[in-house]
Each structure stands twice: as structure tokens, then as C-alpha cells.
């Protein structure tokens, strides 16, 4: 969790994954890297700027050595900063607990030995 200087009210997990954002109004697809996630949104690293409040379809793609998981939901651009876009989910993400359980896969697992996920 972040330091006390962080004013967020929700727990945010650092988790890198591929994200596809489809902006249907403009028929534009943005392929970006998710840097972190919380129950009500994500931050993606990109130089592309999309207007605040623009709705989008979100696909978070998590790759593991032998499988791939895609989580789909709706959201909208809620903010910009120099390194990317904040995307708010339309509804809280029911799958949020998944990211803390499998945090290993969002931190460059490709260069590490496999964890013992089953005891």
C-alpha cells in the first residue's frame, strides 16, 4: 500500500499487464500497459491523450506461462498525467481480489522461478 501522503481511499496494487481500451465513439483501440489497479479503476502508461469522461471498453490481459486471462469491463477516462491515463470503472471490479492473490504475475514473473502456488 502507498504511504500516508497518498490521498486515495482505496487500496491500489502495482500490477503490470496489457490493457486494450476500445473507445467506441471514435472506433479507436489503444493498446497500453497497466501500471496499477484498485477496485474502481486503473492507471495505464501511454503518451496518447483521450478526453476526460470519454467512455471505453476495458480488457485487462494477464499472461502466465501456460495460460491467459482476460477481464472485461466498462469505464471512462477520469484523468491525465504526464505518464498516462487514469481510467475509472463504471462499476466496482468484482475481480479485484484476484490481483492481490496473483500479484506475482504482475511483477515481471518471466525472469523468476515459478512460485509454489499450491501448498
PDB file of N, CA and C in Angstrom:
ATOM      1  N   UNK A   1       0.847  -1.172   0.000  1.00  0.00           N
ATOM      2  CA  UNK A   1       0.000   0.000   0.000  1.00  0.00           C
ATOM      3  C   UNK A   1       0.893   1.237   0.000  1.00  0.00           C
ATOM      4  N   UNK A   2       0.379   2.322  -0.521  1.00  0.00           N
ATOM      5  CA  UNK A   2       1.145   3.560  -0.633  1.00  0.00           C
ATOM      6  C   UNK A   2       1.310   4.241   0.727  1.00  0.00           C
ATOM      7  N   UNK A   3       2.132   5.290   0.764  1.00  0.00           N
ATOM      8  CA  UNK A   3       2.408   5.997   2.016  1.00  0.00           C
ATOM      9  C   UNK A   3       1.215   6.828   2.458  1.00  0.00           C
ATOM     10  N   UNK A   4       1.299   7.398   3.654  1.00  0.00           N
ATOM     11  CA  UNK A   4       0.213   8.198   4.202  1.00  0.00           C
ATOM     12  C   UNK A   4      -0.017   9.479   3.405  1.00  0.00           C
ATOM     13  N   UNK A   5       0.952   9.901   2.603  1.00  0.00           N
ATOM     14  CA  UNK A   5       0.776  11.083   1.766  1.00  0.00           C
ATOM     15  C   UNK A   5      -0.218  10.809   0.638  1.00  0.00           C
ATOM     16  N   UNK A   6      -0.490   9.536   0.376  1.00  0.00           N
ATOM     17  CA  UNK A   6      -1.444   9.149  -0.650  1.00  0.00           C
ATOM     18  C   UNK A   6      -2.850   9.464  -0.169  1.00  0.00           C
ATOM     19  N   UNK A   7      -3.612  10.211  -0.940  1.00  0.00           N
ATOM     20  CA  UNK A   7      -4.951  10.630  -0.529  1.00  0.00           C
ATOM     21  C   UNK A   7      -6.032   9.694  -1.037  1.00  0.00           C
ATOM     22  N   UNK A   8      -5.655   8.612  -1.712  1.00  0.00           N
ATOM     23  CA  UNK A   8      -6.647   7.661  -2.214  1.00  0.00           C
ATOM     24  C   UNK A   8      -7.349   6.981  -1.053  1.00  0.00           C
ATOM     25  N   UNK A   9      -8.625   6.668  -1.280  1.00  0.00           N
ATOM     26  CA  UNK A   9      -9.410   5.995  -0.252  1.00  0.00           C
ATOM     27  C   UNK A   9      -9.423   4.485  -0.451  1.00  0.00           C
ATOM     28  N   UNK A  10      -8.905   4.014  -1.587  1.00  0.00           N
ATOM     29  CA  UNK A  10      -8.932   2.587  -1.907  1.00  0.00           C
ATOM     30  C   UNK A  10      -7.514   2.041  -1.992  1.00  0.00           C
ATOM     31  N   UNK A  11      -7.362   0.763  -1.699  1.00  0.00           N
ATOM     32  CA  UNK A  11      -6.074   0.085  -1.838  1.00  0.00           C
ATOM     33  C   UNK A  11      -5.741  -0.004  -3.322  1.00  0.00           C
ATOM     34  N   UNK A  12      -4.509   0.322  -3.657  1.00  0.00           N
ATOM     35  CA  UNK A  12      -4.040   0.268  -5.046  1.00  0.00           C
ATOM     36  C   UNK A  12      -2.893  -0.734  -5.102  1.00  0.00           C
ATOM     37  N   UNK A  13      -2.944  -1.635  -6.081  1.00  0.00           N
ATOM     38  CA  UNK A  13      -1.927  -2.668  -6.226  1.00  0.00           C
ATOM     39  C   UNK A  13      -1.117  -2.390  -7.487  1.00  0.00           C
ATOM     40  N   UNK A  14       0.207  -2.351  -7.342  1.00  0.00           N
ATOM     41  CA  UNK A  14       1.074  -2.259  -8.514  1.00  0.00           C
ATOM     42  C   UNK A  14       0.973  -3.584  -9.256  1.00  0.00           C
ATOM     43  N   UNK A  15       0.570  -3.511 -10.518  1.00  0.00           N
ATOM     44  CA  UNK A  15       0.361  -4.730 -11.299  1.00  0.00           C
ATOM     45  C   UNK A  15       0.488  -4.366 -12.761  1.00  0.00           C
ATOM     46  N   UNK A  16       1.497  -4.903 -13.430  1.00  0.00           N
ATOM     47  CA  UNK A  16       1.687  -4.600 -14.845  1.00  0.00           C
ATOM     48  C   UNK A  16       1.002  -5.666 -15.693  1.00  0.00           C
ATOM     49  N   UNK A  17       0.210  -5.205 -16.653  1.00  0.00           N
ATOM     50  CA  UNK A  17      -0.487  -6.102 -17.563  1.00  0.00           C
ATOM     51  C   UNK A  17      -0.834  -5.329 -18.825  1.00  0.00           C
ATOM     52  N   UNK A  18      -1.070  -6.058 -19.893  1.00  0.00           N
ATOM     53  CA  UNK A  18      -1.524  -5.432 -21.135  1.00  0.00           C
ATOM     54  C   UNK A  18      -2.985  -5.031 -20.972  1.00  0.00           C
ATOM     55  N   UNK A  19      -3.330  -3.861 -21.503  1.00  0.00           N
ATOM     56  CA  UNK A  19      -4.707  -3.389 -21.473  1.00  0.00           C
ATOM     57  C   UNK A  19      -5.084  -2.904 -22.867  1.00  0.00           C
ATOM     58  N   UNK A  20      -6.251  -3.323 -23.318  1.00  0.00           N
ATOM     59  CA  UNK A  20      -6.816  -2.802 -24.558  1.00  0.00           C
ATOM     60  C   UNK A  20      -8.012  -1.936 -24.181  1.00  0.00           C
ATOM     61  N   UNK A  21      -7.984  -0.686 -24.617  1.00  0.00           N
ATOM     62  CA  UNK A  21      -9.092   0.243 -24.372  1.00  0.00           C
ATOM     63  C   UNK A  21      -9.758   0.533 -25.707  1.00  0.00           C
ATOM     64  N   UNK A  22     -11.041   0.208 -25.822  1.00  0.00           N
ATOM     65  CA  UNK A  22     -11.783   0.470 -27.054  1.00  0.00           C
ATOM     66  C   UNK A  22     -12.717   1.650 -26.813  1.00  0.00           C
ATOM     67  N   UNK A  23     -12.463   2.712 -27.561  1.00  0.00           N
ATOM     68  CA  UNK A  23     -13.278   3.919 -27.492  1.00  0.00           C
ATOM     69  C   UNK A  23     -14.244   3.858 -28.669  1.00  0.00           C
ATOM     70  N   UNK A  24     -15.452   3.372 -28.412  1.00  0.00           N
ATOM     71  CA  UNK A  24     -16.401   3.081 -29.484  1.00  0.00           C
ATOM     72  C   UNK A  24     -16.846   4.316 -30.253  1.00  0.00           C
ATOM     73  N   UNK A  25     -16.989   5.449 -29.598  1.00  0.00           N
ATOM     74  CA  UNK A  25     -17.457   6.658 -30.278  1.00  0.00           C
ATOM     75  C   UNK A  25     -16.530   7.042 -31.430  1.00  0.00           C
ATOM     76  N   UNK A  26     -15.229   6.802 -31.248  1.00  0.00           N
ATOM     77  CA  UNK A  26     -14.263   7.160 -32.290  1.00  0.00           C
ATOM     78  C   UNK A  26     -13.706   5.931 -33.007  1.00  0.00           C
ATOM     79  N   UNK A  27     -14.178   4.734 -32.626  1.00  0.00           N
ATOM     80  CA  UNK A  27     -13.689   3.480 -33.189  1.00  0.00           C
ATOM     81  C   UNK A  27     -12.165   3.394 -33.081  1.00  0.00           C
ATOM     82  N   UNK A  28     -11.640   3.778 -31.901  1.00  0.00           N
ATOM     83  CA  UNK A  28     -10.204   3.807 -31.644  1.00  0.00           C
ATOM     84  C   UNK A  28      -9.854   2.743 -30.619  1.00  0.00           C
ATOM     85  N   UNK A  29      -8.789   1.977 -30.871  1.00  0.00           N
ATOM     86  CA  UNK A  29      -8.312   0.958 -29.951  1.00  0.00           C
ATOM     87  C   UNK A  29      -6.926   1.353 -29.462  1.00  0.00           C
ATOM     88  N   UNK A  30      -6.771   1.451 -28.150  1.00  0.00           N
ATOM     89  CA  UNK A  30      -5.490   1.813 -27.545  1.00  0.00           C
ATOM     90  C   UNK A  30      -4.938   0.594 -26.817  1.00  0.00           C
ATOM     91  N   UNK A  31      -3.729   0.187 -27.174  1.00  0.00           N
ATOM     92  CA  UNK A  31      -3.016  -0.909 -26.526  1.00  0.00           C
ATOM     93  C   UNK A  31      -2.008  -0.254 -25.583  1.00  0.00           C
ATOM     94  N   UNK A  32      -2.159  -0.476 -24.274  1.00  0.00           N
ATOM     95  CA  UNK A  32      -1.313   0.211 -23.292  1.00  0.00           C
ATOM     96  C   UNK A  32      -0.881  -0.768 -22.208  1.00  0.00           C
ATOM     97  N   UNK A  33      -0.002  -0.312 -21.318  1.00  0.00           N
ATOM     98  CA  UNK A  33       0.467  -1.114 -20.194  1.00  0.00           C
ATOM     99  C   UNK A  33      -0.175  -0.582 -18.915  1.00  0.00           C
ATOM    100  N   UNK A  34      -0.889  -1.473 -18.213  1.00  0.00           N
ATOM    101  CA  UNK A  34      -1.456  -1.114 -16.920  1.00  0.00           C
ATOM    102  C   UNK A  34      -0.329  -1.076 -15.896  1.00  0.00           C
ATOM    103  N   UNK A  35      -0.282  -0.041 -15.086  1.00  0.00           N
ATOM    104  CA  UNK A  35       0.747   0.086 -14.051  1.00  0.00           C
ATOM    105  C   UNK A  35       0.215  -0.284 -12.669  1.00  0.00           C
ATOM    106  N   UNK A  36      -1.070   0.008 -12.418  1.00  0.00           N
ATOM    107  CA  UNK A  36      -1.659  -0.344 -11.133  1.00  0.00           C
ATOM    108  C   UNK A  36      -3.175  -0.411 -11.259  1.00  0.00           C
ATOM    109  N   UNK A  37      -3.791  -0.993 -10.220  1.00  0.00           N
ATOM    110  CA  UNK A  37      -5.232  -1.210 -10.240  1.00  0.00           C
ATOM    111  C   UNK A  37      -5.784  -1.052  -8.831  1.00  0.00           C
ATOM    112  N   UNK A  38      -7.015  -0.579  -8.741  1.00  0.00           N
ATOM    113  CA  UNK A  38      -7.764  -0.594  -7.483  1.00  0.00           C
ATOM    114  C   UNK A  38      -9.172  -1.063  -7.818  1.00  0.00           C
ATOM    115  N   UNK A  39     -10.022  -1.166  -6.854  1.00  0.00           N
ATOM    116  CA  UNK A  39     -11.354  -1.716  -7.084  1.00  0.00           C
ATOM    117  C   UNK A  39     -12.182  -0.856  -8.038  1.00  0.00           C
ATOM    118  N   UNK A  40     -11.834   0.438  -8.150  1.00  0.00           N
ATOM    119  CA  UNK A  40     -12.641   1.300  -9.011  1.00  0.00           C
ATOM    120  C   UNK A  40     -11.887   1.920 -10.182  1.00  0.00           C
ATOM    121  N   UNK A  41     -10.685   1.414 -10.511  1.00  0.00           N
ATOM    122  CA  UNK A  41     -10.005   1.952 -11.685  1.00  0.00           C
ATOM    123  C   UNK A  41      -8.596   1.434 -11.869  1.00  0.00           C
ATOM    124  N   UNK A  42      -7.994   1.874 -12.989  1.00  0.00           N
ATOM    125  CA  UNK A  42      -6.620   1.511 -13.327  1.00  0.00           C
ATOM    126  C   UNK A  42      -5.873   2.745 -13.811  1.00  0.00           C
ATOM    127  N   UNK A  43      -4.553   2.626 -13.825  1.00  0.00           N
ATOM    128  CA  UNK A  43      -3.724   3.648 -14.459  1.00  0.00           C
ATOM    129  C   UNK A  43      -2.950   2.960 -15.563  1.00  0.00           C
ATOM    130  N   UNK A  44      -2.984   3.543 -16.778  1.00  0.00           N
ATOM    131  CA  UNK A  44      -2.248   2.981 -17.903  1.00  0.00           C
ATOM    132  C   UNK A  44      -1.194   3.964 -18.373  1.00  0.00           C
ATOM    133  N   UNK A  45      -0.055   3.398 -18.726  1.00  0.00           N
ATOM    134  CA  UNK A  45       1.074   4.179 -19.229  1.00  0.00           C
ATOM    135  C   UNK A  45       0.888   4.386 -20.732  1.00  0.00           C
ATOM    136  N   UNK A  46       0.795   5.639 -21.177  1.00  0.00           N
ATOM    137  CA  UNK A  46       0.638   5.938 -22.593  1.00  0.00           C
ATOM    138  C   UNK A  46       0.916   7.411 -22.846  1.00  0.00           C
ATOM    139  N   UNK A  47       1.336   7.718 -24.060  1.00  0.00           N
ATOM    140  CA  UNK A  47       1.504   9.122 -24.463  1.00  0.00           C
ATOM    141  C   UNK A  47       0.235   9.654 -25.122  1.00  0.00           C
ATOM    142  N   UNK A  48      -0.694   8.753 -25.435  1.00  0.00           N
ATOM    143  CA  UNK A  48      -1.952   9.132 -26.083  1.00  0.00           C
ATOM    144  C   UNK A  48      -2.849   9.854 -25.085  1.00  0.00           C
ATOM    145  N   UNK A  49      -3.475  10.933 -25.516  1.00  0.00           N
ATOM    146  CA  UNK A  49      -4.400  11.675 -24.666  1.00  0.00           C
ATOM    147  C   UNK A  49      -5.809  11.522 -25.217  1.00  0.00           C
ATOM    148  N   UNK A  50      -6.706  11.116 -24.361  1.00  0.00           N
ATOM    149  CA  UNK A  50      -8.122  10.956 -24.681  1.00  0.00           C
ATOM    150  C   UNK A  50      -8.878  11.892 -23.744  1.00  0.00           C
ATOM    151  N   UNK A  51      -9.905  12.531 -24.237  1.00  0.00           N
ATOM    152  CA  UNK A  51     -10.656  13.498 -23.430  1.00  0.00           C
ATOM    153  C   UNK A  51     -11.221  12.857 -22.162  1.00  0.00           C
ATOM    154  N   UNK A  52     -11.163  13.594 -21.060  1.00  0.00           N
ATOM    155  CA  UNK A  52     -11.749  13.153 -19.790  1.00  0.00           C
ATOM    156  C   UNK A  52     -13.242  12.906 -20.014  1.00  0.00           C
ATOM    157  N   UNK A  53     -13.760  11.877 -19.366  1.00  0.00           N
ATOM    158  CA  UNK A  53     -15.149  11.415 -19.440  1.00  0.00           C
ATOM    159  C   UNK A  53     -15.478  10.627 -20.708  1.00  0.00           C
ATOM    160  N   UNK A  54     -14.477  10.323 -21.537  1.00  0.00           N
ATOM    161  CA  UNK A  54     -14.723   9.501 -22.716  1.00  0.00           C
ATOM    162  C   UNK A  54     -14.926   8.053 -22.285  1.00  0.00           C
ATOM    163  N   UNK A  55     -16.075   7.443 -22.609  1.00  0.00           N
ATOM    164  CA  UNK A  55     -16.319   6.047 -22.221  1.00  0.00           C
ATOM    165  C   UNK A  55     -15.471   5.081 -23.038  1.00  0.00           C
ATOM    166  N   UNK A  56     -15.188   3.922 -22.437  1.00  0.00           N
ATOM    167  CA  UNK A  56     -14.399   2.905 -23.123  1.00  0.00           C
ATOM    168  C   UNK A  56     -14.746   1.519 -22.602  1.00  0.00           C
ATOM    169  N   UNK A  57     -14.410   0.520 -23.400  1.00  0.00           N
ATOM    170  CA  UNK A  57     -14.479  -0.886 -23.012  1.00  0.00           C
ATOM    171  C   UNK A  57     -13.058  -1.284 -22.646  1.00  0.00           C
ATOM    172  N   UNK A  58     -12.888  -1.882 -21.484  1.00  0.00           N
ATOM    173  CA  UNK A  58     -11.564  -2.212 -20.945  1.00  0.00           C
ATOM    174  C   UNK A  58     -11.355  -3.719 -20.980  1.00  0.00           C
ATOM    175  N   UNK A  59     -10.213  -4.153 -21.522  1.00  0.00           N
ATOM    176  CA  UNK A  59      -9.795  -5.553 -21.479  1.00  0.00           C
ATOM    177  C   UNK A  59      -8.427  -5.596 -20.815  1.00  0.00           C
ATOM    178  N   UNK A  60      -8.365  -6.155 -19.610  1.00  0.00           N
ATOM    179  CA  UNK A  60      -7.098  -6.357 -18.915  1.00  0.00           C
ATOM    180  C   UNK A  60      -6.669  -7.787 -19.236  1.00  0.00           C
ATOM    181  N   UNK A  61      -5.471  -7.931 -19.794  1.00  0.00           N
ATOM    182  CA  UNK A  61      -4.993  -9.235 -20.253  1.00  0.00           C
ATOM    183  C   UNK A  61      -3.797  -9.654 -19.397  1.00  0.00           C
ATOM    184  N   UNK A  62      -3.945 -10.780 -18.707  1.00  0.00           N
ATOM    185  CA  UNK A  62      -2.898 -11.280 -17.824  1.00  0.00           C
ATOM    186  C   UNK A  62      -2.360 -12.571 -18.429  1.00  0.00           C
ATOM    187  N   UNK A  63      -1.076 -12.543 -18.768  1.00  0.00           N
ATOM    188  CA  UNK A  63      -0.420 -13.708 -19.366  1.00  0.00           C
ATOM    189  C   UNK A  63       0.413 -14.422 -18.318  1.00  0.00           C
ATOM    190  N   UNK A  64       0.280 -15.727 -18.283  1.00  0.00           N
ATOM    191  CA  UNK A  64       1.108 -16.591 -17.448  1.00  0.00           C
ATOM    192  C   UNK A  64       1.804 -17.578 -18.391  1.00  0.00           C
ATOM    193  N   UNK A  65       2.737 -18.355 -17.893  1.00  0.00           N
ATOM    194  CA  UNK A  65       3.476 -19.246 -18.789  1.00  0.00           C
ATOM    195  C   UNK A  65       2.596 -20.202 -19.602  1.00  0.00           C
ATOM    196  N   UNK A  66       1.482 -20.671 -19.026  1.00  0.00           N
ATOM    197  CA  UNK A  66       0.680 -21.680 -19.705  1.00  0.00           C
ATOM    198  C   UNK A  66      -0.779 -21.287 -19.909  1.00  0.00           C
ATOM    199  N   UNK A  67      -1.106 -20.034 -19.661  1.00  0.00           N
ATOM    200  CA  UNK A  67      -2.499 -19.615 -19.812  1.00  0.00           C
ATOM    201  C   UNK A  67      -2.587 -18.094 -19.953  1.00  0.00           C
ATOM    202  N   UNK A  68      -3.790 -17.653 -20.267  1.00  0.00           N
ATOM    203  CA  UNK A  68      -4.055 -16.224 -20.437  1.00  0.00           C
ATOM    204  C   UNK A  68      -5.444 -15.939 -19.886  1.00  0.00           C
ATOM    205  N   UNK A  69      -5.570 -14.862 -19.150  1.00  0.00           N
ATOM    206  CA  UNK A  69      -6.840 -14.460 -18.561  1.00  0.00           C
ATOM    207  C   UNK A  69      -7.175 -13.053 -19.036  1.00  0.00           C
ATOM    208  N   UNK A  70      -8.411 -12.836 -19.480  1.00  0.00           N
ATOM    209  CA  UNK A  70      -8.859 -11.501 -19.873  1.00  0.00           C
ATOM    210  C   UNK A  70     -10.039 -11.115 -19.000  1.00  0.00           C
ATOM    211  N   UNK A  71      -9.951  -9.936 -18.400  1.00  0.00           N
ATOM    212  CA  UNK A  71     -11.048  -9.389 -17.606  1.00  0.00           C
ATOM    213  C   UNK A  71     -11.596  -8.197 -18.375  1.00  0.00           C
ATOM    214  N   UNK A  72     -12.901  -8.197 -18.632  1.00  0.00           N
ATOM    215  CA  UNK A  72     -13.538  -7.145 -19.401  1.00  0.00           C
ATOM    216  C   UNK A  72     -14.515  -6.367 -18.524  1.00  0.00           C
ATOM    217  N   UNK A  73     -14.526  -5.050 -18.722  1.00  0.00           N
ATOM    218  CA  UNK A  73     -15.478  -4.198 -18.015  1.00  0.00           C
ATOM    219  C   UNK A  73     -15.585  -2.869 -18.760  1.00  0.00           C
ATOM    220  N   UNK A  74     -16.480  -2.026 -18.313  1.00  0.00           N
ATOM    221  CA  UNK A  74     -16.670  -0.708 -18.917  1.00  0.00           C
ATOM    222  C   UNK A  74     -16.123   0.362 -17.993  1.00  0.00           C
ATOM    223  N   UNK A  75     -15.694   1.468 -18.585  1.00  0.00           N
ATOM    224  CA  UNK A  75     -15.175   2.580 -17.797  1.00  0.00           C
ATOM    225  C   UNK A  75     -15.114   3.843 -18.618  1.00  0.00           C
ATOM    226  N   UNK A  76     -14.338   4.795 -18.108  1.00  0.00           N
ATOM    227  CA  UNK A  76     -14.176   6.079 -18.781  1.00  0.00           C
ATOM    228  C   UNK A  76     -12.880   6.723 -18.314  1.00  0.00           C
ATOM    229  N   UNK A  77     -12.339   7.600 -19.146  1.00  0.00           N
ATOM    230  CA  UNK A  77     -11.122   8.335 -18.786  1.00  0.00           C
ATOM    231  C   UNK A  77     -11.492   9.319 -17.686  1.00  0.00           C
ATOM    232  N   UNK A  78     -10.766   9.266 -16.569  1.00  0.00           N
ATOM    233  CA  UNK A  78     -11.082  10.175 -15.456  1.00  0.00           C
ATOM    234  C   UNK A  78      -9.986  11.204 -15.203  1.00  0.00           C
ATOM    235  N   UNK A  79      -8.772  10.966 -15.729  1.00  0.00           N
ATOM    236  CA  UNK A  79      -7.704  11.954 -15.532  1.00  0.00           C
ATOM    237  C   UNK A  79      -6.527  11.668 -16.453  1.00  0.00           C
ATOM    238  N   UNK A  80      -5.676  12.688 -16.598  1.00  0.00           N
ATOM    239  CA  UNK A  80      -4.418  12.579 -17.337  1.00  0.00           C
ATOM    240  C   UNK A  80      -3.294  12.942 -16.395  1.00  0.00           C
ATOM    241  N   UNK A  81      -2.126  12.424 -16.645  1.00  0.00           N
ATOM    242  CA  UNK A  81      -0.915  12.967 -16.041  1.00  0.00           C
ATOM    243  C   UNK A  81       0.201  12.750 -17.059  1.00  0.00           C
ATOM    244  N   UNK A  82       1.391  13.270 -16.835  1.00  0.00           N
ATOM    245  CA  UNK A  82       2.439  13.191 -17.855  1.00  0.00           C
ATOM    246  C   UNK A  82       2.781  11.774 -18.327  1.00  0.00           C
ATOM    247  N   UNK A  83       2.527  10.760 -17.494  1.00  0.00           N
ATOM    248  CA  UNK A  83       2.902   9.405 -17.902  1.00  0.00           C
ATOM    249  C   UNK A  83       1.736   8.546 -18.384  1.00  0.00           C
ATOM    250  N   UNK A  84       0.501   9.051 -18.333  1.00  0.00           N
ATOM    251  CA  UNK A  84      -0.589   8.216 -18.804  1.00  0.00           C
ATOM    252  C   UNK A  84      -1.974   8.696 -18.464  1.00  0.00           C
ATOM    253  N   UNK A  85      -2.895   7.720 -18.410  1.00  0.00           N
ATOM    254  CA  UNK A  85      -4.312   7.992 -18.202  1.00  0.00           C
ATOM    255  C   UNK A  85      -4.843   7.226 -16.998  1.00  0.00           C
ATOM    256  N   UNK A  86      -5.690   7.875 -16.223  1.00  0.00           N
ATOM    257  CA  UNK A  86      -6.464   7.201 -15.191  1.00  0.00           C
ATOM    258  C   UNK A  86      -7.783   6.791 -15.804  1.00  0.00           C
ATOM    259  N   UNK A  87      -8.152   5.536 -15.638  1.00  0.00           N
ATOM    260  CA  UNK A  87      -9.403   5.010 -16.173  1.00  0.00           C
ATOM    261  C   UNK A  87     -10.247   4.528 -14.991  1.00  0.00           C
ATOM    262  N   UNK A  88     -11.440   5.104 -14.843  1.00  0.00           N
ATOM    263  CA  UNK A  88     -12.347   4.679 -13.774  1.00  0.00           C
ATOM    264  C   UNK A  88     -13.285   3.610 -14.317  1.00  0.00           C
ATOM    265  N   UNK A  89     -13.565   2.602 -13.503  1.00  0.00           N
ATOM    266  CA  UNK A  89     -14.528   1.583 -13.885  1.00  0.00           C
ATOM    267  C   UNK A  89     -15.934   2.136 -13.694  1.00  0.00           C
ATOM    268  N   UNK A  90     -16.849   1.728 -14.554  1.00  0.00           N
ATOM    269  CA  UNK A  90     -18.251   2.128 -14.431  1.00  0.00           C
ATOM    270  C   UNK A  90     -18.833   1.568 -13.124  1.00  0.00           C
ATOM    271  N   UNK A  91     -18.426   0.356 -12.775  1.00  0.00           N
ATOM    272  CA  UNK A  91     -18.846  -0.305 -11.533  1.00  0.00           C
ATOM    273  C   UNK A  91     -17.601  -0.862 -10.861  1.00  0.00           C
ATOM    274  N   UNK A  92     -17.642  -1.026  -9.545  1.00  0.00           N
ATOM    275  CA  UNK A  92     -16.503  -1.630  -8.858  1.00  0.00           C
ATOM    276  C   UNK A  92     -16.189  -2.994  -9.461  1.00  0.00           C
ATOM    277  N   UNK A  93     -14.905  -3.318  -9.544  1.00  0.00           N
ATOM    278  CA  UNK A  93     -14.448  -4.555 -10.163  1.00  0.00           C
ATOM    279  C   UNK A  93     -14.570  -5.719  -9.177  1.00  0.00           C
ATOM    280  N   UNK A  94     -15.458  -6.659  -9.486  1.00  0.00           N
ATOM    281  CA  UNK A  94     -15.647  -7.825  -8.613  1.00  0.00           C
ATOM    282  C   UNK A  94     -14.390  -8.682  -8.535  1.00  0.00           C
ATOM    283  N   UNK A  95     -13.535  -8.640  -9.550  1.00  0.00           N
ATOM    284  CA  UNK A  95     -12.347  -9.481  -9.629  1.00  0.00           C
ATOM    285  C   UNK A  95     -11.123  -8.853  -8.960  1.00  0.00           C
ATOM    286  N   UNK A  96     -11.292  -7.761  -8.252  1.00  0.00           N
ATOM    287  CA  UNK A  96     -10.149  -7.039  -7.687  1.00  0.00           C
ATOM    288  C   UNK A  96      -9.276  -7.928  -6.796  1.00  0.00           C
ATOM    289  N   UNK A  97      -9.868  -8.789  -5.978  1.00  0.00           N
ATOM    290  CA  UNK A  97      -9.087  -9.646  -5.068  1.00  0.00           C
ATOM    291  C   UNK A  97      -8.106 -10.526  -5.834  1.00  0.00           C
ATOM    292  N   UNK A  98      -8.439 -10.877  -7.065  1.00  0.00           N
ATOM    293  CA  UNK A  98      -7.549 -11.676  -7.908  1.00  0.00           C
ATOM    294  C   UNK A  98      -6.157 -11.051  -7.991  1.00  0.00           C
ATOM    295  N   UNK A  99      -6.088  -9.720  -8.107  1.00  0.00           N
ATOM    296  CA  UNK A  99      -4.815  -9.045  -8.333  1.00  0.00           C
ATOM    297  C   UNK A  99      -3.897  -9.115  -7.112  1.00  0.00           C
ATOM    298  N   UNK A 100      -4.451  -9.128  -5.913  1.00  0.00           N
ATOM    299  CA  UNK A 100      -3.585  -9.273  -4.737  1.00  0.00           C
ATOM    300  C   UNK A 100      -3.150 -10.725  -4.565  1.00  0.00           C
ATOM    301  N   UNK A 101      -4.020 -11.670  -4.899  1.00  0.00           N
ATOM    302  CA  UNK A 101      -3.675 -13.085  -4.783  1.00  0.00           C
ATOM    303  C   UNK A 101      -2.588 -13.462  -5.788  1.00  0.00           C
ATOM    304  N   UNK A 102      -2.691 -12.951  -7.015  1.00  0.00           N
ATOM    305  CA  UNK A 102      -1.756 -13.310  -8.083  1.00  0.00           C
ATOM    306  C   UNK A 102      -0.828 -12.154  -8.441  1.00  0.00           C
ATOM    307  N   UNK A 103      -0.512 -11.337  -7.455  1.00  0.00           N
ATOM    308  CA  UNK A 103       0.354 -10.172  -7.657  1.00  0.00           C
ATOM    309  C   UNK A 103       1.681 -10.562  -8.331  1.00  0.00           C
ATOM    310  N   UNK A 104       2.141 -11.759  -8.066  1.00  0.00           N
ATOM    311  CA  UNK A 104       3.378 -12.281  -8.656  1.00  0.00           C
ATOM    312  C   UNK A 104       3.393 -12.124 -10.175  1.00  0.00           C
ATOM    313  N   UNK A 105       2.250 -12.386 -10.834  1.00  0.00           N
ATOM    314  CA  UNK A 105       2.195 -12.339 -12.291  1.00  0.00           C
ATOM    315  C   UNK A 105       2.203 -10.920 -12.843  1.00  0.00           C
ATOM    316  N   UNK A 106       2.021  -9.932 -11.995  1.00  0.00           N
ATOM    317  CA  UNK A 106       2.061  -8.548 -12.441  1.00  0.00           C
ATOM    318  C   UNK A 106       3.377  -7.861 -12.159  1.00  0.00           C
ATOM    319  N   UNK A 107       4.396  -8.631 -11.776  1.00  0.00           N
ATOM    320  CA  UNK A 107       5.682  -8.037 -11.399  1.00  0.00           C
ATOM    321  C   UNK A 107       6.850  -8.693 -12.109  1.00  0.00           C
ATOM    322  N   UNK A 108       6.730  -8.928 -13.398  1.00  0.00           N
ATOM    323  CA  UNK A 108       7.850  -9.459 -14.165  1.00  0.00           C
ATOM    324  C   UNK A 108       8.198 -10.890 -13.846  1.00  0.00           C
ATOM    325  N   UNK A 109       7.192 -11.747 -13.675  1.00  0.00           N
ATOM    326  CA  UNK A 109       7.427 -13.143 -13.322  1.00  0.00           C
ATOM    327  C   UNK A 109       8.282 -13.883 -14.339  1.00  0.00           C
ATOM    328  N   UNK A 110       8.356 -13.361 -15.577  1.00  0.00           N
ATOM    329  CA  UNK A 110       9.083 -14.067 -16.635  1.00  0.00           C
ATOM    330  C   UNK A 110      10.524 -14.361 -16.243  1.00  0.00           C
ATOM    331  N   UNK A 111      11.111 -13.542 -15.392  1.00  0.00           N
ATOM    332  CA  UNK A 111      12.522 -13.682 -15.029  1.00  0.00           C
ATOM    333  C   UNK A 111      12.725 -14.366 -13.680  1.00  0.00           C
ATOM    334  N   UNK A 112      11.669 -14.920 -13.123  1.00  0.00           N
ATOM    335  CA  UNK A 112      11.766 -15.548 -11.803  1.00  0.00           C
ATOM    336  C   UNK A 112      11.338 -17.009 -11.899  1.00  0.00           C
ATOM    337  N   UNK A 113      11.785 -17.827 -10.953  1.00  0.00           N
ATOM    338  CA  UNK A 113      11.281 -19.210 -10.927  1.00  0.00           C
ATOM    339  C   UNK A 113       9.798 -19.208 -10.532  1.00  0.00           C
ATOM    340  N   UNK A 114       9.072 -20.230 -10.945  1.00  0.00           N
ATOM    341  CA  UNK A 114       7.650 -20.312 -10.631  1.00  0.00           C
ATOM    342  C   UNK A 114       7.444 -20.424  -9.120  1.00  0.00           C
ATOM    343  N   UNK A 115       6.420 -19.705  -8.597  1.00  0.00           N
ATOM    344  CA  UNK A 115       6.130 -19.808  -7.167  1.00  0.00           C
ATOM    345  C   UNK A 115       5.388 -21.110  -6.880  1.00  0.00           C
ATOM    346  N   UNK A 116       5.446 -21.547  -5.650  1.00  0.00           N
ATOM    347  CA  UNK A 116       4.663 -22.707  -5.242  1.00  0.00           C
ATOM    348  C   UNK A 116       3.304 -22.198  -4.834  1.00  0.00           C
ATOM    349  N   UNK A 117       2.343 -22.146  -5.787  1.00  0.00           N
ATOM    350  CA  UNK A 117       1.036 -21.572  -5.530  1.00  0.00           C
ATOM    351  C   UNK A 117       0.121 -22.546  -4.780  1.00  0.00           C
ATOM    352  N   UNK A 118       0.452 -23.839  -4.773  1.00  0.00           N
ATOM    353  CA  UNK A 118      -0.342 -24.829  -4.075  1.00  0.00           C
ATOM    354  C   UNK A 118       0.513 -25.445  -2.980  1.00  0.00           C
ATOM    355  N   UNK A 119       0.055 -25.356  -1.759  1.00  0.00           N
ATOM    356  CA  UNK A 119       0.819 -25.919  -0.646  1.00  0.00           C
ATOM    357  C   UNK A 119       0.323 -27.295  -0.285  1.00  0.00           C
TER     358      UNK A 119
END
